[in-house]
Amino acid sequence: MITTLSTYVGLWMLLAVVVLALALYRKFVSAHDEDRYVHISEGEARFIPHQVAVNSKIDRIDRWGESLTIIALVTGIALGCVYFYFSL
């Protein structure tokens, strides 16, 4: 049983690495492209499309990040329960 469980642990670790990579990508995008000010005046109108696009990109990254984090946590807890069940 432990041999087949190691395959699932390996896949879970891969999922955890994907979650971490997504978090780093979000940090990179927000650090380099995110504008901290909301542009609403006519003189700043040229910045609005870029700001909307960056915010949309960050929202998509956040949605995927939240979903994958929940999946990784639930999977990790389930793997831990299965391990402890079969080790007793």
Protein backbone atom coordinates (compact mmCIF):
# COMPACT_ATOMS: atom_id res chain seq x y z
CA MET A 1 0.00 0.00 0.00
CA ILE A 2 2.83 2.40 0.80
CA THR A 3 4.24 1.97 -2.71
CA THR A 4 1.03 3.07 -4.38
CA LEU A 5 0.64 5.85 -1.83
CA SER A 6 4.04 7.25 -2.79
CA THR A 7 2.74 7.81 -6.32
CA TYR A 8 -0.10 9.92 -4.94
CA VAL A 9 2.27 11.79 -2.65
CA GLY A 10 4.45 12.55 -5.67
CA LEU A 11 1.46 13.92 -7.56
CA TRP A 12 0.44 15.94 -4.51
CA MET A 13 3.95 17.40 -4.31
CA LEU A 14 3.73 18.35 -7.98
CA LEU A 15 0.42 20.10 -7.27
CA ALA A 16 2.03 21.95 -4.34
CA VAL A 17 4.88 23.09 -6.58
CA VAL A 18 2.35 24.37 -9.13
CA VAL A 19 0.59 26.34 -6.38
CA LEU A 20 3.91 27.85 -5.26
CA ALA A 21 4.87 28.70 -8.84
CA LEU A 22 1.50 30.37 -9.36
CA ALA A 23 2.02 32.44 -6.18
CA LEU A 24 5.44 33.54 -7.39
CA TYR A 25 4.03 34.40 -10.83
CA ARG A 26 1.30 36.50 -9.20
CA LYS A 27 3.90 38.32 -7.12
CA PHE A 28 5.97 38.97 -10.25
CA VAL A 29 2.98 40.28 -12.21
CA SER A 30 1.78 42.52 -9.41
CA ALA A 31 5.27 43.87 -8.67
CA HIS A 32 6.08 44.86 -12.24
CA ASP A 33 2.75 45.68 -13.86
CA GLU A 34 0.33 46.65 -11.12
CA ASP A 35 -0.27 50.36 -10.75
CA ARG A 36 -1.09 51.41 -7.21
CA TYR A 37 -3.15 54.42 -8.27
CA VAL A 38 -6.56 54.44 -9.91
CA HIS A 39 -6.44 56.61 -13.02
CA ILE A 40 -9.69 58.48 -13.49
CA SER A 41 -8.79 61.89 -14.91
CA GLU A 42 -8.80 62.67 -18.63
CA GLY A 43 -5.04 63.15 -18.70
CA GLU A 44 -4.50 59.64 -17.40
CA ALA A 45 -7.02 57.96 -19.70
CA ARG A 46 -4.29 56.19 -21.65
CA PHE A 47 -3.36 54.18 -18.51
CA ILE A 48 -6.86 52.82 -17.90
CA PRO A 49 -6.86 49.93 -20.47
CA HIS A 50 -3.51 48.66 -19.18
CA GLN A 51 -4.69 48.89 -15.59
CA VAL A 52 -7.89 47.00 -16.40
CA ALA A 53 -5.94 44.29 -18.25
CA VAL A 54 -3.45 43.83 -15.40
CA ASN A 55 -6.23 43.67 -12.81
CA SER A 56 -8.07 41.11 -14.91
CA LYS A 57 -4.90 39.02 -15.19
CA ILE A 58 -4.32 39.17 -11.44
CA ASP A 59 -7.95 38.19 -10.79
CA ARG A 60 -7.56 35.11 -13.02
CA ILE A 61 -4.33 34.15 -11.26
CA ASP A 62 -6.02 34.59 -7.88
CA ARG A 63 -8.99 32.45 -8.89
CA TRP A 64 -6.72 29.61 -10.04
CA GLY A 65 -4.50 30.03 -7.00
CA GLU A 66 -7.38 29.81 -4.54
CA SER A 67 -8.86 26.76 -6.27
CA LEU A 68 -5.56 24.89 -6.53
CA THR A 69 -4.65 25.75 -2.93
CA ILE A 70 -7.93 24.29 -1.67
CA ILE A 71 -7.44 21.18 -3.80
CA ALA A 72 -3.86 20.78 -2.53
CA LEU A 73 -4.93 21.17 1.10
CA VAL A 74 -7.82 18.71 0.83
CA THR A 75 -5.67 16.21 -1.05
CA GLY A 76 -2.85 16.52 1.48
CA ILE A 77 -5.21 15.98 4.40
CA ALA A 78 -6.76 12.97 2.66
CA LEU A 79 -3.33 11.46 1.95
CA GLY A 80 -2.34 11.98 5.56
CA CYS A 81 -5.51 10.27 6.78
CA VAL A 82 -4.97 7.31 4.43
CA TYR A 83 -1.35 7.01 5.55
CA PHE A 84 -2.25 7.01 9.23
CA TYR A 85 -5.13 4.59 8.66
CA PHE A 86 -2.89 2.01 6.97
CA SER A 87 0.07 2.52 9.30
CA LEU A 88 -1.94 1.60 12.40
